[in-house]
């Protein structure tokens, strides 16, 4: 059980847990998840933590097949500049290890932005809080749980 799964269960959100054998040699956790689950990579979303203007952390949830637009992310968070957050700070703030960061059940609730493409699907997959563990849920349910907003935040 992970904090992400617990948060979903506590809120009585309809979801499905998917587990697969994680390969420690894998360099792309998200692509590995899509491949091993036999799922369209556009439905599998990765959780990226960024620093806005060098101080405030925010979360971007985008398809594993996409790249995060730092300009769009900064604009979404009402900042001027966004950059990937320090890995140690990410783990401290979220309570998760890199490659297993879930948007759900984080230690500290951060501003969360979900790429608008998530709304194209009935359900999407996000990390459940551990490498090799995904949670499938409706995009609107994810937004409700993390108090997130849908915006176009991936690079075009």
N, C-alpha and C. Protein backbone atom coordinates (compact mmCIF):
# COMPACT_ATOMS: atom_id res chain seq x y z
N UNK A 1 0.84 -1.18 0.00
CA UNK A 1 0.00 0.00 0.00
C UNK A 1 0.89 1.25 0.00
N UNK A 2 0.49 2.25 -0.76
CA UNK A 2 1.25 3.50 -0.82
C UNK A 2 0.33 4.65 -0.40
N UNK A 3 0.90 5.81 -0.06
CA UNK A 3 0.05 6.95 0.28
C UNK A 3 -0.89 7.34 -0.87
N UNK A 4 -0.43 7.16 -2.11
CA UNK A 4 -1.27 7.48 -3.27
C UNK A 4 -2.50 6.57 -3.35
N UNK A 5 -2.30 5.29 -3.14
CA UNK A 5 -3.41 4.34 -3.15
C UNK A 5 -4.33 4.61 -1.97
N UNK A 6 -3.74 4.87 -0.81
CA UNK A 6 -4.55 5.17 0.38
C UNK A 6 -5.42 6.40 0.17
N UNK A 7 -4.86 7.45 -0.43
CA UNK A 7 -5.62 8.68 -0.67
C UNK A 7 -6.80 8.41 -1.60
N UNK A 8 -6.58 7.59 -2.60
CA UNK A 8 -7.64 7.27 -3.56
C UNK A 8 -8.73 6.44 -2.90
N UNK A 9 -8.34 5.47 -2.12
CA UNK A 9 -9.33 4.64 -1.41
C UNK A 9 -10.12 5.45 -0.39
N UNK A 10 -9.43 6.30 0.36
CA UNK A 10 -10.08 7.12 1.38
C UNK A 10 -11.13 8.04 0.76
N UNK A 11 -10.84 8.54 -0.44
CA UNK A 11 -11.78 9.44 -1.13
C UNK A 11 -12.87 8.65 -1.89
N UNK A 12 -12.78 7.33 -1.82
CA UNK A 12 -13.74 6.44 -2.49
C UNK A 12 -13.83 6.71 -4.00
N UNK A 13 -12.65 6.90 -4.58
CA UNK A 13 -12.53 7.13 -6.02
C UNK A 13 -12.37 5.79 -6.72
N UNK A 14 -13.13 5.58 -7.78
CA UNK A 14 -13.03 4.36 -8.58
C UNK A 14 -11.65 4.31 -9.24
N UNK A 15 -10.92 3.22 -9.05
CA UNK A 15 -9.58 3.10 -9.60
C UNK A 15 -9.21 1.62 -9.76
N UNK A 16 -8.15 1.39 -10.52
CA UNK A 16 -7.61 0.05 -10.69
C UNK A 16 -6.10 0.13 -10.51
N UNK A 17 -5.54 -0.81 -9.78
CA UNK A 17 -4.10 -0.88 -9.55
C UNK A 17 -3.50 -1.85 -10.57
N UNK A 18 -2.40 -1.43 -11.17
CA UNK A 18 -1.68 -2.27 -12.14
C UNK A 18 -0.24 -2.40 -11.66
N UNK A 19 0.22 -3.64 -11.57
CA UNK A 19 1.59 -3.89 -11.14
C UNK A 19 2.33 -4.62 -12.25
N UNK A 20 3.59 -4.28 -12.44
CA UNK A 20 4.42 -4.96 -13.43
C UNK A 20 5.83 -5.08 -12.86
N UNK A 21 6.61 -5.99 -13.45
CA UNK A 21 7.99 -6.19 -13.00
C UNK A 21 8.86 -5.07 -13.53
N UNK A 22 9.28 -4.21 -12.63
CA UNK A 22 10.14 -3.08 -13.01
C UNK A 22 11.55 -3.57 -13.26
N UNK A 23 12.13 -3.14 -14.37
CA UNK A 23 13.52 -3.46 -14.71
C UNK A 23 14.41 -2.33 -14.20
N UNK A 24 15.25 -2.59 -13.20
CA UNK A 24 16.11 -1.54 -12.64
C UNK A 24 17.03 -0.89 -13.68
N UNK A 25 17.29 -1.57 -14.79
CA UNK A 25 18.15 -1.02 -15.84
C UNK A 25 17.38 -0.06 -16.76
N UNK A 26 16.08 0.00 -16.61
CA UNK A 26 15.26 0.87 -17.47
C UNK A 26 15.61 2.33 -17.24
N UNK A 27 15.77 3.05 -18.34
CA UNK A 27 16.11 4.47 -18.24
C UNK A 27 14.89 5.37 -18.31
N UNK A 28 13.77 4.83 -18.77
CA UNK A 28 12.54 5.62 -18.89
C UNK A 28 11.41 4.88 -18.20
N UNK A 29 11.15 5.27 -16.95
CA UNK A 29 10.15 4.56 -16.15
C UNK A 29 8.77 4.61 -16.80
N UNK A 30 8.41 5.76 -17.36
CA UNK A 30 7.09 5.90 -17.96
C UNK A 30 6.90 5.05 -19.20
N UNK A 31 7.90 5.06 -20.08
CA UNK A 31 7.83 4.23 -21.29
C UNK A 31 7.81 2.76 -20.93
N UNK A 32 8.58 2.41 -19.91
CA UNK A 32 8.60 1.02 -19.45
C UNK A 32 7.20 0.62 -18.97
N UNK A 33 6.54 1.50 -18.23
CA UNK A 33 5.19 1.21 -17.72
C UNK A 33 4.23 0.98 -18.89
N UNK A 34 4.26 1.86 -19.88
CA UNK A 34 3.36 1.72 -21.03
C UNK A 34 3.63 0.41 -21.76
N UNK A 35 4.91 0.09 -21.99
CA UNK A 35 5.28 -1.14 -22.69
C UNK A 35 4.83 -2.38 -21.93
N UNK A 36 5.16 -2.43 -20.65
CA UNK A 36 4.86 -3.63 -19.86
C UNK A 36 3.37 -3.82 -19.61
N UNK A 37 2.60 -2.72 -19.62
CA UNK A 37 1.15 -2.85 -19.43
C UNK A 37 0.42 -2.95 -20.76
N UNK A 38 1.16 -2.81 -21.87
CA UNK A 38 0.54 -2.88 -23.19
C UNK A 38 -0.46 -1.76 -23.41
N UNK A 39 -0.13 -0.57 -22.95
CA UNK A 39 -1.04 0.57 -22.98
C UNK A 39 -0.49 1.68 -23.87
N UNK A 40 -1.39 2.40 -24.49
CA UNK A 40 -1.03 3.57 -25.30
C UNK A 40 -0.25 4.55 -24.42
N UNK A 41 0.99 4.92 -24.81
CA UNK A 41 1.79 5.83 -23.99
C UNK A 41 1.13 7.20 -23.76
N UNK A 42 0.19 7.57 -24.60
CA UNK A 42 -0.51 8.84 -24.40
C UNK A 42 -1.44 8.79 -23.19
N UNK A 43 -1.75 7.57 -22.71
CA UNK A 43 -2.62 7.40 -21.53
C UNK A 43 -1.84 7.21 -20.23
N UNK A 44 -0.53 7.03 -20.35
CA UNK A 44 0.32 6.83 -19.18
C UNK A 44 1.00 8.18 -18.90
N UNK A 45 0.78 8.72 -17.71
CA UNK A 45 1.26 10.06 -17.37
C UNK A 45 2.37 9.99 -16.33
N UNK A 46 3.37 10.85 -16.54
CA UNK A 46 4.48 10.94 -15.58
C UNK A 46 4.28 12.19 -14.73
N UNK A 47 4.84 12.13 -13.54
CA UNK A 47 4.73 13.22 -12.56
C UNK A 47 6.09 13.90 -12.45
N UNK A 48 6.14 15.17 -12.83
CA UNK A 48 7.39 15.92 -12.80
C UNK A 48 7.25 17.09 -11.82
N UNK A 49 8.27 17.26 -10.98
CA UNK A 49 8.25 18.35 -10.01
C UNK A 49 9.24 19.40 -10.48
N UNK A 50 8.76 20.64 -10.54
CA UNK A 50 9.59 21.75 -10.99
C UNK A 50 9.66 22.83 -9.91
N UNK A 51 10.71 23.63 -10.01
CA UNK A 51 10.86 24.80 -9.14
C UNK A 51 10.43 26.01 -9.96
N UNK A 52 9.51 26.78 -9.42
CA UNK A 52 9.03 27.99 -10.07
C UNK A 52 9.81 29.18 -9.50
N UNK A 53 10.46 29.91 -10.38
CA UNK A 53 11.27 31.08 -9.99
C UNK A 53 12.29 30.74 -8.90
N UNK A 54 12.77 29.48 -8.93
CA UNK A 54 13.82 29.07 -8.01
C UNK A 54 13.39 28.84 -6.58
N UNK A 55 12.07 28.90 -6.31
CA UNK A 55 11.67 28.74 -4.90
C UNK A 55 10.48 27.81 -4.71
N UNK A 56 9.36 28.10 -5.29
CA UNK A 56 8.14 27.32 -5.07
C UNK A 56 8.13 26.07 -5.96
N UNK A 57 7.75 24.92 -5.38
CA UNK A 57 7.64 23.69 -6.15
C UNK A 57 6.24 23.55 -6.71
N UNK A 58 6.14 22.96 -7.89
CA UNK A 58 4.85 22.67 -8.52
C UNK A 58 4.98 21.35 -9.26
N UNK A 59 3.85 20.72 -9.53
CA UNK A 59 3.81 19.42 -10.18
C UNK A 59 3.17 19.54 -11.56
N UNK A 60 3.83 18.92 -12.54
CA UNK A 60 3.28 18.80 -13.88
C UNK A 60 3.03 17.33 -14.17
N UNK A 61 1.84 17.00 -14.64
CA UNK A 61 1.48 15.62 -14.96
C UNK A 61 1.24 15.57 -16.47
N UNK A 62 2.14 14.89 -17.19
CA UNK A 62 2.09 14.87 -18.65
C UNK A 62 2.25 13.45 -19.18
N UNK A 63 1.83 13.20 -20.43
CA UNK A 63 2.01 11.86 -21.00
C UNK A 63 3.50 11.50 -21.05
N UNK A 64 3.80 10.22 -20.86
CA UNK A 64 5.19 9.76 -20.87
C UNK A 64 5.82 9.98 -22.25
N UNK A 65 5.00 10.09 -23.28
CA UNK A 65 5.51 10.28 -24.63
C UNK A 65 5.82 11.75 -24.93
N UNK A 66 5.58 12.64 -23.98
CA UNK A 66 5.74 14.09 -24.19
C UNK A 66 6.86 14.66 -23.34
N UNK A 67 7.20 15.91 -23.65
CA UNK A 67 8.17 16.69 -22.87
C UNK A 67 7.41 17.84 -22.23
N UNK A 68 7.81 18.19 -21.02
CA UNK A 68 7.19 19.30 -20.31
C UNK A 68 7.70 20.62 -20.88
N UNK A 69 6.79 21.55 -21.13
CA UNK A 69 7.18 22.90 -21.55
C UNK A 69 7.40 23.74 -20.29
N UNK A 70 8.64 24.15 -20.08
CA UNK A 70 8.95 24.94 -18.88
C UNK A 70 8.26 26.31 -18.94
N UNK A 71 8.16 26.87 -20.15
CA UNK A 71 7.47 28.16 -20.28
C UNK A 71 6.01 28.04 -19.89
N UNK A 72 5.35 27.00 -20.38
CA UNK A 72 3.93 26.80 -20.07
C UNK A 72 3.73 26.49 -18.59
N UNK A 73 4.66 25.73 -18.03
CA UNK A 73 4.56 25.38 -16.62
C UNK A 73 4.73 26.62 -15.75
N UNK A 74 5.70 27.46 -16.09
CA UNK A 74 5.91 28.70 -15.33
C UNK A 74 4.66 29.58 -15.42
N UNK A 75 4.13 29.72 -16.60
CA UNK A 75 2.93 30.54 -16.80
C UNK A 75 1.76 29.98 -16.00
N UNK A 76 1.60 28.66 -16.01
CA UNK A 76 0.50 28.02 -15.28
C UNK A 76 0.57 28.32 -13.79
N UNK A 77 1.82 28.37 -13.27
CA UNK A 77 2.03 28.59 -11.83
C UNK A 77 2.22 30.07 -11.49
N UNK A 78 1.90 30.94 -12.45
CA UNK A 78 2.03 32.39 -12.25
C UNK A 78 3.46 32.80 -11.93
N UNK A 79 4.40 32.14 -12.59
CA UNK A 79 5.81 32.48 -12.41
C UNK A 79 6.43 32.92 -13.71
N UNK A 80 7.71 33.26 -13.63
CA UNK A 80 8.44 33.69 -14.82
C UNK A 80 9.29 32.57 -15.41
N UNK A 81 9.79 31.68 -14.53
CA UNK A 81 10.71 30.65 -14.98
C UNK A 81 10.46 29.35 -14.22
N UNK A 82 10.56 28.25 -14.94
CA UNK A 82 10.44 26.93 -14.31
C UNK A 82 11.67 26.10 -14.69
N UNK A 83 12.12 25.28 -13.76
CA UNK A 83 13.24 24.36 -14.00
C UNK A 83 12.98 23.10 -13.18
N UNK A 84 13.52 22.00 -13.64
CA UNK A 84 13.35 20.77 -12.88
C UNK A 84 13.88 20.97 -11.47
N UNK A 85 13.13 20.49 -10.50
CA UNK A 85 13.50 20.64 -9.09
C UNK A 85 14.65 19.70 -8.74
N UNK A 86 15.39 20.07 -7.72
CA UNK A 86 16.47 19.25 -7.20
C UNK A 86 15.91 17.89 -6.76
N UNK A 87 16.51 16.78 -7.20
CA UNK A 87 15.99 15.46 -6.85
C UNK A 87 15.80 15.23 -5.35
N UNK A 88 16.74 15.70 -4.53
CA UNK A 88 16.60 15.53 -3.08
C UNK A 88 15.39 16.28 -2.56
N UNK A 89 15.18 17.48 -3.09
CA UNK A 89 14.03 18.28 -2.69
C UNK A 89 12.72 17.62 -3.12
N UNK A 90 12.73 17.00 -4.30
CA UNK A 90 11.55 16.28 -4.79
C UNK A 90 11.20 15.16 -3.83
N UNK A 91 12.19 14.36 -3.46
CA UNK A 91 11.93 13.23 -2.57
C UNK A 91 11.49 13.69 -1.19
N UNK A 92 12.11 14.75 -0.69
CA UNK A 92 11.74 15.29 0.62
C UNK A 92 10.30 15.83 0.60
N UNK A 93 9.95 16.55 -0.44
CA UNK A 93 8.64 17.19 -0.52
C UNK A 93 7.51 16.20 -0.79
N UNK A 94 7.77 15.22 -1.66
CA UNK A 94 6.70 14.30 -2.05
C UNK A 94 6.64 13.04 -1.19
N UNK A 95 7.78 12.63 -0.65
CA UNK A 95 7.83 11.38 0.09
C UNK A 95 8.03 10.17 -0.81
N UNK A 96 8.28 10.42 -2.08
CA UNK A 96 8.47 9.32 -3.05
C UNK A 96 9.87 9.35 -3.63
N UNK A 97 10.34 8.18 -4.11
CA UNK A 97 11.62 8.11 -4.80
C UNK A 97 11.41 8.48 -6.27
N UNK A 98 12.46 9.00 -6.90
CA UNK A 98 12.37 9.34 -8.31
C UNK A 98 12.04 8.09 -9.12
N UNK A 99 11.21 8.26 -10.12
CA UNK A 99 10.75 7.13 -10.91
C UNK A 99 9.50 6.50 -10.32
N UNK A 100 9.13 6.93 -9.12
CA UNK A 100 7.93 6.42 -8.46
C UNK A 100 7.12 7.56 -7.85
N UNK A 101 7.39 8.79 -8.30
CA UNK A 101 6.67 9.94 -7.75
C UNK A 101 5.23 9.92 -8.26
N UNK A 102 4.31 9.90 -7.33
CA UNK A 102 2.89 9.92 -7.67
C UNK A 102 2.35 11.32 -7.43
N UNK A 103 1.38 11.75 -8.24
CA UNK A 103 0.74 13.03 -7.94
C UNK A 103 -0.18 12.91 -6.73
N UNK A 104 -0.48 11.68 -6.33
CA UNK A 104 -1.42 11.39 -5.24
C UNK A 104 -0.68 11.12 -3.93
N UNK A 105 -1.23 11.60 -2.83
CA UNK A 105 -0.70 11.26 -1.50
C UNK A 105 0.68 11.81 -1.20
N UNK A 106 1.03 12.93 -1.79
CA UNK A 106 2.33 13.52 -1.51
C UNK A 106 2.36 14.08 -0.09
N UNK A 107 3.54 14.09 0.51
CA UNK A 107 3.71 14.63 1.86
C UNK A 107 3.21 16.05 1.96
N UNK A 108 3.63 16.87 1.00
CA UNK A 108 3.25 18.27 0.96
C UNK A 108 2.44 18.51 -0.31
N UNK A 109 1.26 19.04 -0.17
CA UNK A 109 0.44 19.29 -1.35
C UNK A 109 1.02 20.47 -2.13
N UNK A 110 1.34 20.21 -3.39
CA UNK A 110 1.91 21.22 -4.27
C UNK A 110 0.88 21.60 -5.32
N UNK A 111 1.03 22.80 -5.89
CA UNK A 111 0.18 23.17 -7.02
C UNK A 111 0.39 22.12 -8.10
N UNK A 112 -0.71 21.62 -8.64
CA UNK A 112 -0.61 20.55 -9.62
C UNK A 112 -1.33 20.93 -10.90
N UNK A 113 -0.64 20.70 -12.03
CA UNK A 113 -1.19 20.99 -13.35
C UNK A 113 -1.14 19.71 -14.18
N UNK A 114 -2.28 19.35 -14.74
CA UNK A 114 -2.41 18.13 -15.52
C UNK A 114 -2.56 18.54 -16.98
N UNK A 115 -1.76 17.94 -17.85
CA UNK A 115 -1.86 18.31 -19.26
C UNK A 115 -3.28 18.06 -19.76
N UNK A 116 -3.77 19.04 -20.52
CA UNK A 116 -5.15 19.00 -21.02
C UNK A 116 -5.45 17.76 -21.86
N UNK A 117 -4.42 17.12 -22.41
CA UNK A 117 -4.63 15.92 -23.23
C UNK A 117 -5.23 14.77 -22.42
N UNK A 118 -5.10 14.82 -21.09
CA UNK A 118 -5.66 13.76 -20.24
C UNK A 118 -7.16 13.63 -20.44
N UNK A 119 -7.81 14.73 -20.74
CA UNK A 119 -9.27 14.72 -20.89
C UNK A 119 -9.74 14.00 -22.15
N UNK A 120 -8.83 13.61 -23.01
CA UNK A 120 -9.18 12.86 -24.22
C UNK A 120 -9.53 11.41 -23.89
N UNK A 121 -9.20 10.97 -22.67
CA UNK A 121 -9.35 9.57 -22.30
C UNK A 121 -10.32 9.40 -21.13
N UNK A 122 -11.01 8.26 -21.15
CA UNK A 122 -11.92 7.94 -20.04
C UNK A 122 -11.12 7.71 -18.75
N UNK A 123 -9.98 7.01 -18.89
CA UNK A 123 -9.08 6.79 -17.75
C UNK A 123 -7.65 7.01 -18.20
N UNK A 124 -6.81 7.36 -17.23
CA UNK A 124 -5.37 7.49 -17.46
C UNK A 124 -4.64 6.74 -16.36
N UNK A 125 -3.35 6.55 -16.56
CA UNK A 125 -2.51 5.87 -15.59
C UNK A 125 -1.50 6.86 -15.03
N UNK A 126 -1.31 6.84 -13.71
CA UNK A 126 -0.25 7.61 -13.06
C UNK A 126 0.44 6.69 -12.07
N UNK A 127 1.64 7.07 -11.67
CA UNK A 127 2.36 6.26 -10.69
C UNK A 127 1.54 6.17 -9.41
N UNK A 128 1.53 4.97 -8.84
CA UNK A 128 0.83 4.77 -7.57
C UNK A 128 1.77 5.01 -6.40
N UNK A 129 3.04 5.38 -6.69
CA UNK A 129 3.97 5.71 -5.61
C UNK A 129 5.13 4.77 -5.46
N UNK A 130 5.30 3.89 -6.45
CA UNK A 130 6.41 2.96 -6.41
C UNK A 130 6.72 2.55 -7.85
N UNK A 131 7.97 2.35 -8.16
CA UNK A 131 8.33 1.87 -9.50
C UNK A 131 7.68 0.51 -9.70
N UNK A 132 7.02 0.35 -10.85
CA UNK A 132 6.35 -0.91 -11.15
C UNK A 132 4.91 -0.95 -10.66
N UNK A 133 4.39 0.18 -10.21
CA UNK A 133 3.02 0.22 -9.68
C UNK A 133 2.30 1.45 -10.23
N UNK A 134 1.21 1.21 -10.95
CA UNK A 134 0.44 2.30 -11.56
C UNK A 134 -0.99 2.25 -11.06
N UNK A 135 -1.63 3.41 -11.05
CA UNK A 135 -3.03 3.50 -10.68
C UNK A 135 -3.79 4.10 -11.87
N UNK A 136 -4.87 3.46 -12.24
CA UNK A 136 -5.71 3.91 -13.35
C UNK A 136 -6.96 4.55 -12.78
N UNK A 137 -7.25 5.76 -13.23
CA UNK A 137 -8.42 6.48 -12.74
C UNK A 137 -8.86 7.52 -13.77
N UNK A 138 -10.04 8.05 -13.60
CA UNK A 138 -10.55 9.07 -14.50
C UNK A 138 -9.77 10.37 -14.30
N UNK A 139 -9.46 11.08 -15.38
CA UNK A 139 -8.72 12.34 -15.25
C UNK A 139 -9.38 13.34 -14.30
N UNK A 140 -10.70 13.47 -14.35
CA UNK A 140 -11.39 14.41 -13.46
C UNK A 140 -11.25 13.99 -12.00
N UNK A 141 -11.21 12.68 -11.74
CA UNK A 141 -11.01 12.21 -10.36
C UNK A 141 -9.60 12.55 -9.88
N UNK A 142 -8.62 12.41 -10.77
CA UNK A 142 -7.26 12.79 -10.41
C UNK A 142 -7.22 14.28 -10.05
N UNK A 143 -7.83 15.10 -10.90
CA UNK A 143 -7.83 16.55 -10.65
C UNK A 143 -8.49 16.88 -9.32
N UNK A 144 -9.57 16.18 -9.00
CA UNK A 144 -10.26 16.42 -7.73
C UNK A 144 -9.36 16.05 -6.55
N UNK A 145 -8.71 14.90 -6.64
CA UNK A 145 -7.86 14.43 -5.54
C UNK A 145 -6.65 15.32 -5.27
N UNK A 146 -6.09 15.92 -6.32
CA UNK A 146 -4.87 16.72 -6.14
C UNK A 146 -5.15 18.22 -6.24
N UNK A 147 -6.43 18.56 -6.36
CA UNK A 147 -6.82 19.96 -6.54
C UNK A 147 -6.08 20.55 -7.75
N UNK A 148 -6.05 19.75 -8.83
CA UNK A 148 -5.29 20.12 -10.02
C UNK A 148 -6.12 20.84 -11.07
N UNK A 149 -5.39 21.49 -11.98
CA UNK A 149 -6.02 22.19 -13.09
C UNK A 149 -5.53 21.61 -14.40
N UNK A 150 -6.42 21.51 -15.38
CA UNK A 150 -6.07 21.04 -16.71
C UNK A 150 -5.61 22.22 -17.56
N UNK A 151 -4.39 22.13 -18.07
CA UNK A 151 -3.83 23.16 -18.95
C UNK A 151 -2.90 22.48 -19.95
N UNK A 152 -2.69 23.08 -21.11
CA UNK A 152 -1.69 22.52 -22.03
C UNK A 152 -0.28 22.84 -21.51
N UNK A 153 0.40 21.85 -20.95
CA UNK A 153 1.72 22.10 -20.37
C UNK A 153 2.83 21.31 -21.05
N UNK A 154 2.48 20.50 -22.05
CA UNK A 154 3.54 19.77 -22.76
C UNK A 154 4.03 20.60 -23.93
N UNK A 155 5.26 20.29 -24.37
CA UNK A 155 5.82 20.96 -25.54
C UNK A 155 5.04 20.56 -26.77
N UNK A 156 4.94 21.50 -27.70
CA UNK A 156 4.22 21.18 -28.96
C UNK A 156 5.17 20.60 -29.97
